[in-house]
N, C-alpha and C. Protein backbone atom coordinates (compact mmCIF):
# COMPACT_ATOMS: atom_id res chain seq x y z
N MET A 1 0.84 -1.19 0.00
CA MET A 1 0.00 0.00 0.00
C MET A 1 0.89 1.25 0.00
N THR A 2 0.56 2.22 -0.82
CA THR A 2 1.37 3.44 -0.90
C THR A 2 1.18 4.30 0.36
N LYS A 3 2.10 5.24 0.54
CA LYS A 3 2.01 6.15 1.69
C LYS A 3 0.67 6.89 1.70
N LYS A 4 0.29 7.37 0.53
CA LYS A 4 -0.94 8.16 0.44
C LYS A 4 -2.15 7.32 0.86
N LEU A 5 -2.21 6.08 0.38
CA LEU A 5 -3.32 5.20 0.73
C LEU A 5 -3.31 4.87 2.23
N MET A 6 -2.12 4.59 2.78
CA MET A 6 -2.01 4.29 4.20
C MET A 6 -2.43 5.48 5.04
N ARG A 7 -2.00 6.67 4.61
CA ARG A 7 -2.35 7.90 5.34
C ARG A 7 -3.87 8.09 5.35
N ASN A 8 -4.49 7.97 4.19
CA ASN A 8 -5.94 8.18 4.09
C ASN A 8 -6.72 7.11 4.85
N ASP A 9 -6.25 5.86 4.77
CA ASP A 9 -6.90 4.75 5.46
C ASP A 9 -6.86 4.97 6.98
N MET A 10 -5.70 5.37 7.49
CA MET A 10 -5.56 5.58 8.93
C MET A 10 -6.35 6.79 9.40
N LYS A 11 -6.39 7.84 8.59
CA LYS A 11 -7.19 9.02 8.96
C LYS A 11 -8.65 8.62 9.17
N GLU A 12 -9.15 7.77 8.26
CA GLU A 12 -10.55 7.32 8.38
C GLU A 12 -10.76 6.49 9.64
N LYS A 13 -9.81 5.63 9.96
CA LYS A 13 -9.93 4.81 11.18
C LYS A 13 -9.93 5.69 12.43
N LEU A 14 -9.06 6.69 12.45
CA LEU A 14 -8.93 7.55 13.63
C LEU A 14 -10.17 8.41 13.86
N ILE A 15 -10.80 8.83 12.78
CA ILE A 15 -12.00 9.67 12.90
C ILE A 15 -13.10 8.93 13.67
N PHE A 16 -13.10 7.60 13.58
CA PHE A 16 -14.16 6.82 14.22
C PHE A 16 -13.84 6.44 15.67
N LEU A 17 -12.72 6.94 16.22
CA LEU A 17 -12.44 6.72 17.64
C LEU A 17 -13.50 7.46 18.45
N ASP A 18 -14.19 6.76 19.34
CA ASP A 18 -15.19 7.49 20.13
C ASP A 18 -14.48 8.29 21.23
N GLU A 19 -15.19 9.26 21.76
CA GLU A 19 -14.58 10.23 22.69
C GLU A 19 -14.02 9.56 23.95
N VAL A 20 -14.73 8.58 24.47
CA VAL A 20 -14.28 7.90 25.69
C VAL A 20 -12.97 7.15 25.42
N ALA A 21 -12.94 6.39 24.31
CA ALA A 21 -11.72 5.65 23.95
C ALA A 21 -10.57 6.61 23.69
N TYR A 22 -10.84 7.68 22.96
CA TYR A 22 -9.81 8.69 22.66
C TYR A 22 -9.20 9.25 23.95
N THR A 23 -10.07 9.62 24.89
CA THR A 23 -9.61 10.20 26.15
C THR A 23 -8.82 9.18 26.97
N ASN A 24 -9.32 7.96 27.05
CA ASN A 24 -8.64 6.91 27.82
C ASN A 24 -7.28 6.57 27.22
N TYR A 25 -7.24 6.38 25.91
CA TYR A 25 -5.98 6.04 25.24
C TYR A 25 -4.96 7.17 25.39
N SER A 26 -5.42 8.42 25.22
CA SER A 26 -4.52 9.57 25.36
C SER A 26 -3.94 9.62 26.77
N LYS A 27 -4.77 9.33 27.77
CA LYS A 27 -4.30 9.35 29.16
C LYS A 27 -3.28 8.24 29.41
N GLN A 28 -3.51 7.06 28.84
CA GLN A 28 -2.55 5.96 28.99
C GLN A 28 -1.21 6.31 28.34
N ILE A 29 -1.27 6.94 27.18
CA ILE A 29 -0.06 7.36 26.48
C ILE A 29 0.67 8.42 27.32
N GLU A 30 -0.09 9.36 27.86
CA GLU A 30 0.49 10.40 28.72
C GLU A 30 1.21 9.77 29.91
N ASP A 31 0.59 8.80 30.55
CA ASP A 31 1.22 8.13 31.71
C ASP A 31 2.53 7.45 31.31
N GLN A 32 2.52 6.75 30.17
CA GLN A 32 3.73 6.09 29.66
C GLN A 32 4.82 7.13 29.35
N PHE A 33 4.39 8.22 28.75
CA PHE A 33 5.32 9.29 28.37
C PHE A 33 6.02 9.85 29.62
N PHE A 34 5.25 10.09 30.68
CA PHE A 34 5.86 10.69 31.87
C PHE A 34 6.71 9.68 32.65
N GLN A 35 6.45 8.40 32.52
CA GLN A 35 7.37 7.41 33.09
C GLN A 35 8.72 7.53 32.39
N TYR A 36 8.67 7.70 31.08
CA TYR A 36 9.91 7.85 30.31
C TYR A 36 10.62 9.15 30.67
N VAL A 37 9.88 10.27 30.73
CA VAL A 37 10.47 11.58 31.05
C VAL A 37 11.10 11.55 32.45
N ALA A 38 10.44 10.87 33.39
CA ALA A 38 10.95 10.80 34.77
C ALA A 38 12.31 10.11 34.83
N ASN A 39 12.56 9.19 33.88
CA ASN A 39 13.82 8.45 33.88
C ASN A 39 14.85 9.02 32.91
N SER A 40 14.58 10.20 32.39
CA SER A 40 15.53 10.82 31.45
C SER A 40 15.93 12.20 31.99
N ASN A 41 16.97 12.74 31.40
CA ASN A 41 17.52 14.00 31.88
C ASN A 41 17.22 15.12 30.89
N VAL A 42 15.95 15.27 30.52
CA VAL A 42 15.59 16.27 29.52
C VAL A 42 14.98 17.50 30.20
N SER A 43 15.30 18.66 29.66
CA SER A 43 14.70 19.88 30.23
C SER A 43 13.89 20.65 29.18
N THR A 44 14.27 20.53 27.90
CA THR A 44 13.53 21.23 26.84
C THR A 44 12.95 20.21 25.87
N ILE A 45 11.62 20.27 25.71
CA ILE A 45 10.91 19.26 24.93
C ILE A 45 10.14 19.93 23.80
N GLY A 46 10.38 19.47 22.57
CA GLY A 46 9.65 19.96 21.41
C GLY A 46 8.42 19.10 21.19
N ILE A 47 7.27 19.72 21.03
CA ILE A 47 6.01 18.97 20.89
C ILE A 47 5.01 19.83 20.12
N THR A 48 4.12 19.19 19.39
CA THR A 48 3.11 19.93 18.63
C THR A 48 1.85 20.11 19.47
N ILE A 49 1.03 21.05 19.07
CA ILE A 49 -0.28 21.27 19.69
C ILE A 49 -1.27 20.38 18.92
N SER A 50 -1.85 19.41 19.60
CA SER A 50 -2.67 18.41 18.91
C SER A 50 -4.04 18.95 18.49
N ASN A 51 -4.55 18.32 17.44
CA ASN A 51 -5.93 18.47 16.99
C ASN A 51 -6.53 17.07 16.96
N PHE A 52 -7.76 16.89 17.41
CA PHE A 52 -8.41 15.59 17.31
C PHE A 52 -8.38 15.14 15.84
N PRO A 53 -8.05 13.88 15.54
CA PRO A 53 -7.89 12.73 16.43
C PRO A 53 -6.44 12.39 16.79
N GLU A 54 -5.54 13.37 16.78
CA GLU A 54 -4.17 13.11 17.23
C GLU A 54 -4.18 12.87 18.74
N VAL A 55 -3.19 12.15 19.23
CA VAL A 55 -3.04 11.96 20.67
C VAL A 55 -3.03 13.34 21.33
N ASP A 56 -3.82 13.50 22.40
CA ASP A 56 -3.94 14.79 23.08
C ASP A 56 -2.61 15.22 23.69
N THR A 57 -2.10 16.36 23.25
CA THR A 57 -0.85 16.88 23.83
C THR A 57 -1.09 18.07 24.76
N TRP A 58 -2.30 18.61 24.78
CA TRP A 58 -2.59 19.77 25.64
C TRP A 58 -2.33 19.42 27.11
N SER A 59 -2.83 18.28 27.52
CA SER A 59 -2.66 17.83 28.91
C SER A 59 -1.19 17.55 29.21
N ILE A 60 -0.49 16.96 28.26
CA ILE A 60 0.94 16.68 28.42
C ILE A 60 1.72 17.98 28.62
N ILE A 61 1.40 18.98 27.82
CA ILE A 61 2.10 20.26 27.91
C ILE A 61 1.88 20.91 29.27
N LYS A 62 0.63 20.88 29.75
CA LYS A 62 0.34 21.45 31.08
C LYS A 62 1.17 20.76 32.15
N LYS A 63 1.28 19.44 32.05
CA LYS A 63 2.04 18.70 33.07
C LYS A 63 3.54 19.00 32.94
N LEU A 64 4.02 19.14 31.72
CA LEU A 64 5.44 19.49 31.53
C LEU A 64 5.74 20.83 32.21
N TRP A 65 4.84 21.81 32.02
CA TRP A 65 5.02 23.10 32.68
C TRP A 65 5.06 22.92 34.20
N SER A 66 4.14 22.09 34.73
CA SER A 66 4.08 21.92 36.20
C SER A 66 5.35 21.27 36.73
N LEU A 67 6.06 20.52 35.87
CA LEU A 67 7.31 19.88 36.27
C LEU A 67 8.53 20.78 36.04
N GLY A 68 8.28 22.00 35.54
CA GLY A 68 9.37 22.95 35.31
C GLY A 68 10.14 22.70 34.02
N LYS A 69 9.54 21.95 33.09
CA LYS A 69 10.20 21.69 31.80
C LYS A 69 9.94 22.85 30.84
N ASN A 70 10.88 23.07 29.94
CA ASN A 70 10.70 24.06 28.87
C ASN A 70 9.95 23.38 27.72
N VAL A 71 8.86 24.01 27.29
CA VAL A 71 8.06 23.47 26.19
C VAL A 71 8.27 24.34 24.96
N VAL A 72 8.66 23.71 23.85
CA VAL A 72 8.83 24.46 22.60
C VAL A 72 7.95 23.82 21.53
N VAL A 73 7.27 24.66 20.77
CA VAL A 73 6.35 24.17 19.74
C VAL A 73 6.71 24.78 18.39
N PRO A 74 6.39 24.05 17.30
CA PRO A 74 6.84 24.51 15.99
C PRO A 74 5.94 25.54 15.33
N LYS A 75 6.59 26.42 14.59
CA LYS A 75 5.93 27.35 13.69
C LYS A 75 6.38 26.96 12.29
N CYS A 76 5.44 26.62 11.43
CA CYS A 76 5.77 26.14 10.08
C CYS A 76 5.76 27.28 9.07
N SER A 77 6.68 27.19 8.13
CA SER A 77 6.73 28.15 7.04
C SER A 77 6.39 27.42 5.73
N PRO A 78 5.15 27.57 5.22
CA PRO A 78 4.75 26.84 4.01
C PRO A 78 5.58 27.17 2.77
N LEU A 79 6.22 28.35 2.75
CA LEU A 79 7.00 28.74 1.57
C LEU A 79 8.16 27.79 1.32
N ASP A 80 8.91 27.46 2.38
CA ASP A 80 10.06 26.57 2.18
C ASP A 80 9.94 25.28 3.00
N ARG A 81 8.76 25.07 3.58
CA ARG A 81 8.48 23.85 4.37
C ARG A 81 9.47 23.67 5.52
N SER A 82 9.85 24.79 6.14
CA SER A 82 10.77 24.72 7.28
C SER A 82 9.98 24.96 8.57
N MET A 83 10.63 24.67 9.70
CA MET A 83 10.02 24.89 11.01
C MET A 83 11.01 25.58 11.93
N VAL A 84 10.48 26.46 12.76
CA VAL A 84 11.25 27.05 13.86
C VAL A 84 10.44 26.78 15.12
N PHE A 85 11.13 26.34 16.17
CA PHE A 85 10.46 26.08 17.44
C PHE A 85 10.56 27.30 18.34
N TYR A 86 9.45 27.57 19.04
CA TYR A 86 9.36 28.69 19.96
C TYR A 86 8.96 28.19 21.34
N GLN A 87 9.57 28.77 22.37
CA GLN A 87 9.21 28.39 23.73
C GLN A 87 7.91 29.08 24.12
N ILE A 88 7.00 28.28 24.69
CA ILE A 88 5.75 28.86 25.20
C ILE A 88 5.61 28.51 26.68
N GLU A 89 5.05 29.42 27.42
CA GLU A 89 4.79 29.21 28.85
C GLU A 89 3.31 29.30 29.15
N SER A 90 2.51 29.54 28.09
CA SER A 90 1.06 29.66 28.23
C SER A 90 0.44 29.40 26.86
N PHE A 91 -0.77 28.85 26.86
CA PHE A 91 -1.48 28.65 25.60
C PHE A 91 -1.90 29.99 24.98
N ASP A 92 -1.84 31.06 25.76
CA ASP A 92 -2.16 32.39 25.23
C ASP A 92 -1.12 32.86 24.21
N GLN A 93 0.01 32.18 24.16
CA GLN A 93 1.06 32.55 23.20
C GLN A 93 0.84 31.90 21.83
N LEU A 94 -0.27 31.19 21.69
CA LEU A 94 -0.57 30.52 20.42
C LEU A 94 -1.50 31.37 19.57
N GLU A 95 -1.44 31.11 18.26
CA GLU A 95 -2.38 31.74 17.34
C GLU A 95 -2.91 30.65 16.41
N GLN A 96 -4.11 30.85 15.90
CA GLN A 96 -4.68 29.88 14.97
C GLN A 96 -4.22 30.22 13.56
N VAL A 97 -3.72 29.18 12.86
CA VAL A 97 -3.23 29.38 11.48
C VAL A 97 -4.07 28.52 10.54
N TYR A 98 -3.56 28.19 9.36
CA TYR A 98 -4.31 27.41 8.38
C TYR A 98 -4.74 26.06 8.96
N MET A 99 -5.85 25.54 8.44
CA MET A 99 -6.38 24.22 8.82
C MET A 99 -6.69 24.12 10.32
N HIS A 100 -7.00 25.24 10.96
CA HIS A 100 -7.34 25.28 12.40
C HIS A 100 -6.20 24.83 13.31
N LEU A 101 -4.98 24.84 12.78
CA LEU A 101 -3.82 24.46 13.60
C LEU A 101 -3.46 25.60 14.54
N ARG A 102 -2.87 25.24 15.66
CA ARG A 102 -2.39 26.23 16.63
C ARG A 102 -0.87 26.21 16.61
N GLU A 103 -0.30 27.40 16.44
CA GLU A 103 1.15 27.55 16.41
C GLU A 103 1.54 28.74 17.28
N PRO A 104 2.81 28.81 17.68
CA PRO A 104 3.22 29.94 18.52
C PRO A 104 3.19 31.25 17.73
N ASN A 105 2.81 32.30 18.42
CA ASN A 105 2.89 33.64 17.84
C ASN A 105 4.33 34.12 18.06
N PRO A 106 5.10 34.32 16.98
CA PRO A 106 6.52 34.71 17.13
C PRO A 106 6.72 36.02 17.91
N HIS A 107 5.69 36.86 17.94
CA HIS A 107 5.80 38.14 18.66
C HIS A 107 5.64 37.94 20.17
N LEU A 108 5.15 36.77 20.57
CA LEU A 108 4.90 36.52 21.99
C LEU A 108 5.80 35.42 22.55
N SER A 109 6.72 34.89 21.73
CA SER A 109 7.53 33.75 22.16
C SER A 109 8.97 33.91 21.70
N ARG A 110 9.84 33.09 22.32
CA ARG A 110 11.27 33.13 21.99
C ARG A 110 11.63 31.92 21.12
N ALA A 111 12.30 32.18 20.00
CA ALA A 111 12.75 31.10 19.12
C ALA A 111 13.91 30.36 19.77
N VAL A 112 13.97 29.03 19.53
CA VAL A 112 15.08 28.23 20.03
C VAL A 112 15.74 27.50 18.86
N THR A 113 17.00 27.14 19.04
CA THR A 113 17.73 26.39 18.01
C THR A 113 17.47 24.90 18.19
N PRO A 114 17.68 24.10 17.15
CA PRO A 114 17.55 22.64 17.31
C PRO A 114 18.44 22.09 18.43
N GLN A 115 19.61 22.70 18.61
CA GLN A 115 20.55 22.22 19.62
C GLN A 115 20.03 22.41 21.05
N GLU A 116 19.09 23.32 21.24
CA GLU A 116 18.53 23.56 22.58
C GLU A 116 17.46 22.54 22.96
N ILE A 117 16.98 21.77 21.99
CA ILE A 117 15.88 20.82 22.25
C ILE A 117 16.47 19.47 22.64
N ASP A 118 16.15 19.01 23.84
CA ASP A 118 16.68 17.73 24.33
C ASP A 118 15.90 16.54 23.76
N MET A 119 14.60 16.73 23.62
CA MET A 119 13.75 15.64 23.14
C MET A 119 12.67 16.20 22.24
N LEU A 120 12.45 15.52 21.12
CA LEU A 120 11.47 15.98 20.14
C LEU A 120 10.38 14.93 19.97
N VAL A 121 9.14 15.34 20.21
CA VAL A 121 7.98 14.46 19.99
C VAL A 121 7.54 14.69 18.55
N VAL A 122 7.71 13.67 17.71
CA VAL A 122 7.49 13.78 16.27
C VAL A 122 6.11 13.24 15.91
N PRO A 123 5.26 14.07 15.30
CA PRO A 123 3.92 13.60 14.95
C PRO A 123 3.90 12.73 13.70
N GLY A 124 2.81 12.04 13.51
CA GLY A 124 2.64 11.22 12.31
C GLY A 124 1.26 10.59 12.30
N ILE A 125 0.99 9.85 11.23
CA ILE A 125 -0.31 9.17 11.08
C ILE A 125 -0.13 7.66 11.25
N VAL A 126 0.91 7.14 10.59
CA VAL A 126 1.18 5.69 10.64
C VAL A 126 2.66 5.50 10.95
N TYR A 127 2.96 4.47 11.75
CA TYR A 127 4.34 4.19 12.14
C TYR A 127 4.64 2.71 11.97
N SER A 128 5.89 2.39 11.66
CA SER A 128 6.32 0.99 11.72
C SER A 128 7.01 0.79 13.06
N GLU A 129 7.15 -0.46 13.47
CA GLU A 129 7.81 -0.77 14.74
C GLU A 129 9.27 -0.32 14.74
N LYS A 130 9.83 -0.13 13.55
CA LYS A 130 11.22 0.34 13.43
C LYS A 130 11.32 1.86 13.57
N GLY A 131 10.18 2.54 13.66
CA GLY A 131 10.20 3.98 13.86
C GLY A 131 10.02 4.82 12.61
N TYR A 132 9.86 4.16 11.46
CA TYR A 132 9.58 4.93 10.24
C TYR A 132 8.13 5.39 10.29
N ARG A 133 7.88 6.55 9.73
CA ARG A 133 6.55 7.12 9.89
C ARG A 133 6.02 7.72 8.59
N ILE A 134 4.72 7.78 8.54
CA ILE A 134 4.05 8.53 7.48
C ILE A 134 3.43 9.73 8.18
N GLY A 135 3.87 10.91 7.76
CA GLY A 135 3.37 12.14 8.37
C GLY A 135 2.16 12.66 7.62
N TYR A 136 1.98 13.95 7.70
CA TYR A 136 0.81 14.58 7.08
C TYR A 136 1.08 15.01 5.64
N GLY A 137 2.28 14.74 5.15
CA GLY A 137 2.56 14.99 3.75
C GLY A 137 3.31 16.27 3.45
N GLY A 138 3.60 17.08 4.47
CA GLY A 138 4.29 18.35 4.22
C GLY A 138 5.79 18.23 4.19
N GLY A 139 6.35 17.21 4.83
CA GLY A 139 7.79 17.02 4.86
C GLY A 139 8.52 17.92 5.85
N TYR A 140 7.79 18.64 6.70
CA TYR A 140 8.42 19.58 7.64
C TYR A 140 9.38 18.86 8.59
N TYR A 141 8.92 17.78 9.18
CA TYR A 141 9.76 17.09 10.17
C TYR A 141 10.94 16.39 9.52
N ASP A 142 10.74 15.83 8.32
CA ASP A 142 11.87 15.19 7.64
C ASP A 142 12.99 16.21 7.41
N ARG A 143 12.62 17.42 7.03
CA ARG A 143 13.63 18.47 6.83
C ARG A 143 14.29 18.85 8.15
N PHE A 144 13.48 18.99 9.20
CA PHE A 144 14.02 19.42 10.50
C PHE A 144 14.93 18.35 11.10
N LEU A 145 14.56 17.09 10.98
CA LEU A 145 15.31 16.01 11.62
C LEU A 145 16.72 15.84 11.05
N VAL A 146 16.95 16.31 9.83
CA VAL A 146 18.28 16.21 9.22
C VAL A 146 19.32 16.90 10.11
N ASN A 147 18.95 18.00 10.73
CA ASN A 147 19.89 18.77 11.56
C ASN A 147 19.64 18.62 13.06
N TYR A 148 18.79 17.65 13.43
CA TYR A 148 18.47 17.47 14.84
C TYR A 148 19.16 16.21 15.37
N LYS A 149 19.89 16.35 16.46
CA LYS A 149 20.68 15.22 16.98
C LYS A 149 20.17 14.68 18.31
N GLY A 150 19.09 15.25 18.86
CA GLY A 150 18.59 14.81 20.16
C GLY A 150 17.71 13.57 20.07
N ASP A 151 17.07 13.28 21.18
CA ASP A 151 16.19 12.12 21.33
C ASP A 151 14.89 12.37 20.57
N THR A 152 14.39 11.35 19.87
CA THR A 152 13.12 11.49 19.14
C THR A 152 12.16 10.39 19.56
N LEU A 153 10.90 10.77 19.71
CA LEU A 153 9.88 9.76 19.98
C LEU A 153 8.56 10.23 19.41
N SER A 154 7.64 9.29 19.29
CA SER A 154 6.31 9.61 18.80
C SER A 154 5.27 9.04 19.76
N LEU A 155 4.11 9.67 19.78
CA LEU A 155 2.98 9.23 20.58
C LEU A 155 1.91 8.73 19.62
N ALA A 156 1.43 7.50 19.82
CA ALA A 156 0.50 6.92 18.85
C ALA A 156 -0.49 5.98 19.52
N PHE A 157 -1.66 5.89 18.93
CA PHE A 157 -2.62 4.87 19.34
C PHE A 157 -2.16 3.54 18.76
N ASP A 158 -2.54 2.44 19.41
CA ASP A 158 -2.07 1.11 18.98
C ASP A 158 -2.34 0.85 17.49
N ILE A 159 -3.50 1.27 17.00
CA ILE A 159 -3.84 0.97 15.59
C ILE A 159 -2.92 1.69 14.61
N GLN A 160 -2.19 2.71 15.08
CA GLN A 160 -1.33 3.48 14.18
C GLN A 160 0.02 2.79 13.94
N VAL A 161 0.35 1.78 14.72
CA VAL A 161 1.64 1.09 14.56
C VAL A 161 1.42 -0.19 13.77
N VAL A 162 2.10 -0.28 12.63
CA VAL A 162 1.97 -1.43 11.73
C VAL A 162 3.34 -2.08 11.52
N LYS A 163 3.35 -3.22 10.89
CA LYS A 163 4.62 -3.95 10.69
C LYS A 163 5.55 -3.23 9.72
N TYR A 164 4.98 -2.66 8.66
CA TYR A 164 5.83 -2.10 7.61
C TYR A 164 5.26 -0.78 7.09
N VAL A 165 6.15 0.17 6.90
CA VAL A 165 5.80 1.45 6.28
C VAL A 165 6.80 1.68 5.15
N GLU A 166 6.28 1.99 3.98
CA GLU A 166 7.15 2.31 2.84
C GLU A 166 7.98 3.54 3.21
N CYS A 167 9.28 3.47 2.97
CA CYS A 167 10.11 4.64 3.30
C CYS A 167 11.06 4.99 2.16
N ASP A 168 11.35 6.28 2.09
CA ASP A 168 12.26 6.81 1.09
C ASP A 168 13.62 7.05 1.74
N VAL A 169 14.62 7.34 0.94
CA VAL A 169 15.98 7.54 1.47
C VAL A 169 16.07 8.71 2.44
N PHE A 170 15.19 9.72 2.26
CA PHE A 170 15.26 10.90 3.12
C PHE A 170 14.42 10.74 4.40
N ASP A 171 13.69 9.64 4.55
CA ASP A 171 12.88 9.42 5.75
C ASP A 171 13.76 9.06 6.93
N LEU A 172 13.60 9.77 8.02
CA LEU A 172 14.40 9.52 9.22
C LEU A 172 13.49 8.97 10.32
N PRO A 173 13.82 7.80 10.87
CA PRO A 173 12.95 7.18 11.87
C PRO A 173 13.11 7.81 13.25
N VAL A 174 12.10 7.59 14.10
CA VAL A 174 12.19 8.03 15.50
C VAL A 174 12.82 6.92 16.34
N ASP A 175 13.29 7.28 17.53
CA ASP A 175 13.96 6.32 18.41
C ASP A 175 12.97 5.45 19.19
N LYS A 176 11.80 6.03 19.52
CA LYS A 176 10.81 5.31 20.33
C LYS A 176 9.41 5.69 19.87
N ILE A 177 8.47 4.77 20.09
CA ILE A 177 7.05 5.08 19.89
C ILE A 177 6.33 4.66 21.16
N ILE A 178 5.58 5.59 21.74
CA ILE A 178 4.82 5.30 22.95
C ILE A 178 3.35 5.16 22.59
N THR A 179 2.77 3.98 22.90
CA THR A 179 1.35 3.73 22.68
C THR A 179 0.71 3.48 24.05
N PRO A 180 -0.62 3.31 24.10
CA PRO A 180 -1.24 3.04 25.40
C PRO A 180 -0.69 1.78 26.08
N ASN A 181 -0.30 0.78 25.29
CA ASN A 181 0.09 -0.51 25.86
C ASN A 181 1.56 -0.88 25.72
N THR A 182 2.28 -0.18 24.86
CA THR A 182 3.66 -0.58 24.55
C THR A 182 4.55 0.63 24.33
N VAL A 183 5.82 0.45 24.68
CA VAL A 183 6.84 1.42 24.26
C VAL A 183 7.75 0.67 23.30
N PHE A 184 7.70 1.05 22.04
CA PHE A 184 8.54 0.42 21.03
C PHE A 184 9.91 1.08 21.05
N LEU A 185 10.94 0.31 21.30
CA LEU A 185 12.31 0.82 21.28
C LEU A 185 12.83 0.65 19.85
N CYS A 186 12.41 1.55 19.00
CA CYS A 186 12.61 1.43 17.55
C CYS A 186 14.09 1.35 17.17
N LYS A 187 14.91 2.16 17.83
CA LYS A 187 16.33 2.18 17.51
C LYS A 187 16.94 0.79 17.73
N GLN A 188 16.55 0.15 18.84
CA GLN A 188 17.06 -1.20 19.14
C GLN A 188 16.53 -2.23 18.14
N ILE A 189 15.27 -2.07 17.73
CA ILE A 189 14.68 -2.98 16.74
C ILE A 189 15.44 -2.86 15.42
N ARG A 190 15.76 -1.61 15.03
CA ARG A 190 16.52 -1.41 13.77
C ARG A 190 17.91 -2.02 13.87
N GLU A 191 18.56 -1.83 15.01
CA GLU A 191 19.92 -2.34 15.18
C GLU A 191 19.96 -3.88 15.13
N LYS A 192 18.93 -4.53 15.63
CA LYS A 192 18.85 -6.00 15.58
C LYS A 192 18.77 -6.50 14.15
N ASP A 193 18.09 -5.71 13.28
CA ASP A 193 17.88 -6.13 11.90
C ASP A 193 19.04 -5.78 10.98
N GLU A 194 20.02 -5.03 11.50
CA GLU A 194 21.14 -4.62 10.62
C GLU A 194 22.15 -5.74 10.45
């Protein structure tokens, strides 16, 4: 199945997640995520502002703030498909952009370099157990990851993780995928297969 077909197929499946299941799964993922954060030495975390049916990140961001972590979120530039991350300390620093997405208002936030980000939560629609992903089709994260050397992980519902995802030479996998029931150590899975 091509990337486009897999993306569209998964979007349809996710739309039918009922609200109770969505909330419960998001909470389980959040709990797994914070177990991981508690055992790591990260202070600045890059993460997107979710829209349903993506895993809820609003609650995660609030908890990161309560733990004294620096939260940085991306601002996308459609002209060259690049991203700059900005530190936010309140949701009031966000603005609504195209497709009802929420991004930081550059006039209300401080830009950070990729080197300042300790851990990057990478969004996607479909993932393989090896960490390869199908995103939303813009290529923003693939471009950003080329120059990013920190820890990468993704948050996903169980149905989003499949055995195989078609990948191109420029596709860069994530190190871990956190689902409600499993933490896939993708980097280790890839190393076993080499």
